[in-house]
């Protein structure tokens, strides 16, 4: 068997490492059940189209060609399979799910990152947005206390913010994509070059500060106060800031706001 090696980026867990992982999994499933979440385990294999909304690069996926020509992938994330499950079943809403499972996504070679990881999460579907957000952050705060002794840092953002900010900027789609790519990758020189053509627009003071809009909520709110941004984007950011103030009432949970980051599932590059 010496010629049979594990594919690059994958790993085996054994001994103390496997025991520790199982202990964490046991804690998480217990936490989720205490909060009355329904546990769900979706298939490791999904149709490629299930992950279309993530715009993942093809080379990041483990792909399998079915006998009928359909393109299958090892799931790179566990969120959209739940959306697929809801779309193909008659589960009544609102409902809440919890999961712990493996995901597979290829990283660039020589980065030292594993292509296989374990993802745990909760999904609240059909609930009022603020209630769902507070519920999630309450669970996180409890987990932080139990497993991390309060050391876990929570970061809040707004997945649609970039599109809202740029919606009325007189720029081509190519220019908007260049702005977002540089912003999300924290590439300041490229970002400054991308926004340079818009120095005469009223959007520019906000654009010029956008890469710095992260940190404690009260600091970010003061930075935002003098900057013009369209009402939809302003409202979205204020909702995040208001949520941060509510989270502060949960206890000692350390929290930052970041308005210059992509959604976790997005591929900014």
Protein backbone atom coordinates (compact mmCIF):
# COMPACT_ATOMS: atom_id res chain seq x y z
CA UNK A 1 0.00 0.00 0.00
CA UNK A 2 3.03 2.29 0.11
CA UNK A 3 2.24 3.63 -3.37
CA UNK A 4 -1.24 4.76 -2.35
CA UNK A 5 -0.95 8.27 -0.97
CA UNK A 6 -3.70 10.58 0.17
CA UNK A 7 -4.47 13.28 -2.44
CA UNK A 8 -2.84 16.64 -1.73
CA UNK A 9 -4.85 18.90 0.53
CA UNK A 10 -6.84 16.11 2.17
CA UNK A 11 -6.22 14.58 5.58
CA UNK A 12 -6.91 11.71 7.94
CA UNK A 13 -7.84 12.31 11.57
CA UNK A 14 -6.79 9.75 14.16
CA UNK A 15 -5.99 9.39 17.85
CA UNK A 16 -6.17 12.56 19.99
CA UNK A 17 -7.02 14.72 16.98
CA UNK A 18 -10.00 12.56 16.04
CA UNK A 19 -11.10 12.41 19.67
CA UNK A 20 -10.96 16.19 20.02
CA UNK A 21 -12.89 16.70 16.79
CA UNK A 22 -15.59 14.29 17.91
CA UNK A 23 -15.81 16.08 21.26
CA UNK A 24 -16.36 19.43 19.53
CA UNK A 25 -18.93 17.88 17.19
CA UNK A 26 -20.76 16.41 20.19
CA UNK A 27 -20.78 19.80 21.95
CA UNK A 28 -22.08 21.58 18.84
CA UNK A 29 -24.93 19.17 18.18
CA UNK A 30 -25.92 19.44 21.84
CA UNK A 31 -25.83 23.25 21.66
CA UNK A 32 -27.96 23.26 18.53
CA UNK A 33 -30.51 20.89 20.01
CA UNK A 34 -30.76 22.94 23.21
CA UNK A 35 -31.75 25.85 21.00
CA UNK A 36 -34.33 23.64 19.24
CA UNK A 37 -32.65 23.44 15.83
CA UNK A 38 -33.45 20.51 13.55
CA UNK A 39 -30.27 18.64 12.63
CA UNK A 40 -29.76 18.08 8.91
CA UNK A 41 -27.15 16.11 6.96
CA UNK A 42 -27.07 16.74 3.23
CA UNK A 43 -25.35 14.66 0.56
CA UNK A 44 -21.61 14.99 -0.06
CA UNK A 45 -22.35 15.04 -3.80
CA UNK A 46 -24.50 17.73 -5.42
CA UNK A 47 -25.18 18.95 -8.93
CA UNK A 48 -22.77 21.74 -9.89
CA UNK A 49 -25.67 24.12 -10.54
CA UNK A 50 -26.64 24.06 -6.86
CA UNK A 51 -23.59 26.24 -6.18
CA UNK A 52 -24.13 28.59 -9.13
CA UNK A 53 -24.97 31.58 -6.89
CA UNK A 54 -21.50 31.39 -5.30
CA UNK A 55 -19.71 31.96 -8.63
CA UNK A 56 -16.95 29.61 -7.54
CA UNK A 57 -14.05 29.12 -9.90
CA UNK A 58 -14.15 25.72 -11.59
CA UNK A 59 -10.63 24.82 -10.47
CA UNK A 60 -11.66 25.15 -6.81
CA UNK A 61 -14.19 22.32 -7.13
CA UNK A 62 -13.84 18.54 -6.97
CA UNK A 63 -15.89 17.53 -10.01
CA UNK A 64 -17.35 14.20 -11.08
CA UNK A 65 -19.00 13.51 -14.44
CA UNK A 66 -22.14 11.40 -14.12
CA UNK A 67 -22.97 8.64 -16.64
CA UNK A 68 -25.69 10.88 -18.11
CA UNK A 69 -23.26 13.76 -18.57
CA UNK A 70 -24.42 15.75 -15.54
CA UNK A 71 -21.73 17.68 -13.66
CA UNK A 72 -21.49 16.71 -9.97
CA UNK A 73 -19.25 18.22 -7.27
CA UNK A 74 -18.18 17.38 -3.77
CA UNK A 75 -19.98 20.07 -1.80
CA UNK A 76 -17.75 23.15 -1.29
CA UNK A 77 -20.18 24.58 1.25
CA UNK A 78 -23.14 23.38 3.33
CA UNK A 79 -25.49 26.36 3.02
CA UNK A 80 -26.82 26.06 -0.53
CA UNK A 81 -27.52 22.32 -0.19
CA UNK A 82 -30.03 23.30 2.49
CA UNK A 83 -31.63 25.74 0.05
CA UNK A 84 -31.78 22.88 -2.48
CA UNK A 85 -33.37 20.64 0.17
CA UNK A 86 -36.05 23.23 0.95
CA UNK A 87 -36.77 23.79 -2.75
CA UNK A 88 -37.33 20.08 -3.36
CA UNK A 89 -39.32 19.14 -0.24
CA UNK A 90 -42.52 20.30 1.46
CA UNK A 91 -40.96 21.46 4.74
CA UNK A 92 -43.14 24.20 6.19
CA UNK A 93 -41.68 27.59 7.09
CA UNK A 94 -40.45 29.16 9.24
CA UNK A 95 -37.94 26.53 10.25
CA UNK A 96 -34.41 26.33 11.60
CA UNK A 97 -31.65 23.86 10.77
CA UNK A 98 -28.24 23.04 12.19
CA UNK A 99 -25.44 21.04 10.63
CA UNK A 100 -21.90 19.79 11.10
CA UNK A 101 -20.22 18.26 8.07
CA UNK A 102 -17.28 18.07 5.70
CA UNK A 103 -16.76 20.44 2.79
CA UNK A 104 -14.22 20.24 -0.05
CA UNK A 105 -12.74 23.21 -1.88
CA UNK A 106 -9.36 23.30 -3.63
CA UNK A 107 -6.97 26.03 -2.50
CA UNK A 108 -3.97 27.23 -4.43
CA UNK A 109 -1.02 24.88 -4.24
CA UNK A 110 1.80 25.54 -1.76
CA UNK A 111 -0.42 27.70 0.48
CA UNK A 112 -0.35 25.11 3.24
CA UNK A 113 -4.16 25.14 3.41
CA UNK A 114 -6.27 21.98 3.51
CA UNK A 115 -8.85 21.40 0.80
CA UNK A 116 -11.02 19.48 3.26
CA UNK A 117 -12.55 21.18 6.28
CA UNK A 118 -15.45 20.78 8.68
CA UNK A 119 -18.20 23.37 8.60
CA UNK A 120 -20.80 23.87 11.33
CA UNK A 121 -23.64 26.32 11.17
CA UNK A 122 -27.25 27.22 11.67
CA UNK A 123 -29.82 28.36 9.11
CA UNK A 124 -33.01 30.19 10.06
CA UNK A 125 -35.43 30.27 7.13
CA UNK A 126 -38.60 32.33 7.02
CA UNK A 127 -37.98 34.27 10.23
CA UNK A 128 -37.92 38.06 10.54
CA UNK A 129 -34.38 39.17 9.74
CA UNK A 130 -33.51 40.94 13.00
CA UNK A 131 -34.84 38.08 15.12
CA UNK A 132 -32.80 35.56 13.13
CA UNK A 133 -29.62 37.64 13.38
CA UNK A 134 -29.96 38.05 17.14
CA UNK A 135 -30.66 34.33 17.54
CA UNK A 136 -27.49 33.45 15.62
CA UNK A 137 -25.38 35.87 17.63
CA UNK A 138 -26.81 34.55 20.89
CA UNK A 139 -25.72 31.02 19.92
CA UNK A 140 -22.28 32.33 18.94
CA UNK A 141 -21.92 34.13 22.26
CA UNK A 142 -22.75 30.92 24.15
CA UNK A 143 -20.28 28.93 22.06
CA UNK A 144 -17.63 31.60 22.62
CA UNK A 145 -18.08 31.36 26.36
CA UNK A 146 -18.05 27.55 26.47
CA UNK A 147 -15.26 26.72 24.00
CA UNK A 148 -13.10 29.82 23.63
CA UNK A 149 -13.23 31.45 27.07
CA UNK A 150 -14.46 34.68 25.45
CA UNK A 151 -11.57 34.95 22.98
CA UNK A 152 -13.68 34.57 19.81
CA UNK A 153 -13.96 37.73 17.72
CA UNK A 154 -17.19 38.24 15.78
CA UNK A 155 -17.19 40.35 12.63
CA UNK A 156 -20.39 41.81 11.18
CA UNK A 157 -20.80 42.91 7.58
CA UNK A 158 -23.44 43.32 4.90
CA UNK A 159 -23.35 40.87 1.98
CA UNK A 160 -25.23 43.18 -0.43
CA UNK A 161 -23.49 46.41 0.55
CA UNK A 162 -21.04 46.68 -2.34
CA UNK A 163 -23.80 46.33 -4.93
CA UNK A 164 -25.97 48.86 -3.06
CA UNK A 165 -23.17 51.42 -2.85
CA UNK A 166 -22.24 51.08 -6.52
CA UNK A 167 -25.80 50.81 -7.86
CA UNK A 168 -26.07 54.49 -8.87
CA UNK A 169 -22.38 55.13 -9.57
CA UNK A 170 -22.04 56.17 -13.25
CA UNK A 171 -19.68 53.31 -14.03
CA UNK A 172 -19.68 50.33 -16.33
CA UNK A 173 -20.18 46.84 -14.94
CA UNK A 174 -16.52 46.14 -15.65
CA UNK A 175 -15.48 49.17 -13.58
CA UNK A 176 -17.77 48.15 -10.72
CA UNK A 177 -16.36 44.63 -10.71
CA UNK A 178 -12.82 46.03 -10.63
CA UNK A 179 -13.71 48.19 -7.63
CA UNK A 180 -15.24 45.26 -5.77
CA UNK A 181 -12.37 42.87 -6.55
CA UNK A 182 -9.75 45.33 -5.28
CA UNK A 183 -11.85 46.22 -2.23
CA UNK A 184 -12.50 42.63 -1.19
CA UNK A 185 -8.88 41.61 -1.75
CA UNK A 186 -7.67 44.60 0.31
CA UNK A 187 -5.51 45.65 -2.64
CA UNK A 188 -5.26 49.37 -1.89
CA UNK A 189 -3.19 50.44 -4.96
CA UNK A 190 -5.59 48.69 -7.36
CA UNK A 191 -8.58 50.03 -5.45
CA UNK A 192 -7.34 53.62 -5.60
CA UNK A 193 -6.75 53.24 -9.33
CA UNK A 194 -10.23 51.79 -9.81
CA UNK A 195 -12.00 54.70 -8.07
CA UNK A 196 -9.79 57.43 -9.55
CA UNK A 197 -12.10 58.12 -12.56
CA UNK A 198 -14.89 59.13 -10.16
CA UNK A 199 -13.19 61.94 -8.23
CA UNK A 200 -15.83 64.44 -9.35
CA UNK A 201 -18.74 62.26 -8.27
CA UNK A 202 -20.44 62.82 -4.93
CA UNK A 203 -19.77 59.15 -4.20
CA UNK A 204 -16.02 59.75 -4.10
CA UNK A 205 -15.52 60.79 -0.43
CA UNK A 206 -17.22 57.53 0.63
CA UNK A 207 -15.27 55.50 -1.93
CA UNK A 208 -12.02 57.04 -0.67
CA UNK A 209 -12.79 55.96 2.92
CA UNK A 210 -14.40 52.63 2.10
CA UNK A 211 -11.32 50.48 2.66
CA UNK A 212 -11.02 51.91 6.18
CA UNK A 213 -14.61 51.28 7.27
CA UNK A 214 -13.84 48.52 9.73
CA UNK A 215 -13.34 48.36 13.48
CA UNK A 216 -15.49 48.95 16.52
CA UNK A 217 -19.04 49.95 15.67
CA UNK A 218 -18.96 53.38 17.34
CA UNK A 219 -15.76 54.32 15.50
CA UNK A 220 -17.13 53.22 12.12
CA UNK A 221 -20.37 55.10 12.77
CA UNK A 222 -18.46 58.34 13.40
CA UNK A 223 -16.46 57.82 10.18
CA UNK A 224 -19.68 57.33 8.22
CA UNK A 225 -21.50 60.36 9.59
CA UNK A 226 -20.08 63.03 7.21
CA UNK A 227 -19.99 60.81 4.10
CA UNK A 228 -22.65 60.79 1.40
CA UNK A 229 -23.97 57.42 0.32
CA UNK A 230 -27.28 56.54 -1.32
CA UNK A 231 -30.22 55.87 1.04
CA UNK A 232 -30.37 52.10 0.41
CA UNK A 233 -26.69 51.63 1.29
CA UNK A 234 -27.00 53.96 4.29
CA UNK A 235 -29.96 51.99 5.62
CA UNK A 236 -28.14 48.67 5.18
CA UNK A 237 -25.10 49.91 7.09
CA UNK A 238 -27.21 51.43 9.86
CA UNK A 239 -28.96 48.09 10.37
CA UNK A 240 -25.57 46.46 10.96
CA UNK A 241 -24.51 49.19 13.38
CA UNK A 242 -27.79 48.92 15.30
CA UNK A 243 -27.35 45.14 15.48
CA UNK A 244 -23.83 45.62 16.85
CA UNK A 245 -25.27 47.77 19.66
CA UNK A 246 -27.75 45.01 20.54
CA UNK A 247 -25.01 42.39 20.53
CA UNK A 248 -23.07 44.49 23.02
CA UNK A 249 -25.88 43.80 25.48
CA UNK A 250 -25.27 40.04 25.29
CA UNK A 251 -22.19 40.32 27.47
CA UNK A 252 -18.45 40.42 26.80
CA UNK A 253 -18.63 39.27 23.17
CA UNK A 254 -15.94 41.17 21.24
CA UNK A 255 -17.31 42.45 17.95
CA UNK A 256 -16.06 44.37 14.94
CA UNK A 257 -17.87 45.82 11.93
CA UNK A 258 -16.36 45.51 8.45
CA UNK A 259 -18.07 47.19 5.50
CA UNK A 260 -15.27 46.41 3.05
CA UNK A 261 -15.39 42.63 2.95
CA UNK A 262 -17.09 40.12 0.70
CA UNK A 263 -19.72 37.63 1.84
CA UNK A 264 -18.01 34.48 3.22
CA UNK A 265 -19.17 32.32 0.31
CA UNK A 266 -18.13 34.79 -2.39
CA UNK A 267 -15.02 34.43 -4.48
CA UNK A 268 -13.55 37.95 -4.60
CA UNK A 269 -10.59 37.09 -6.79
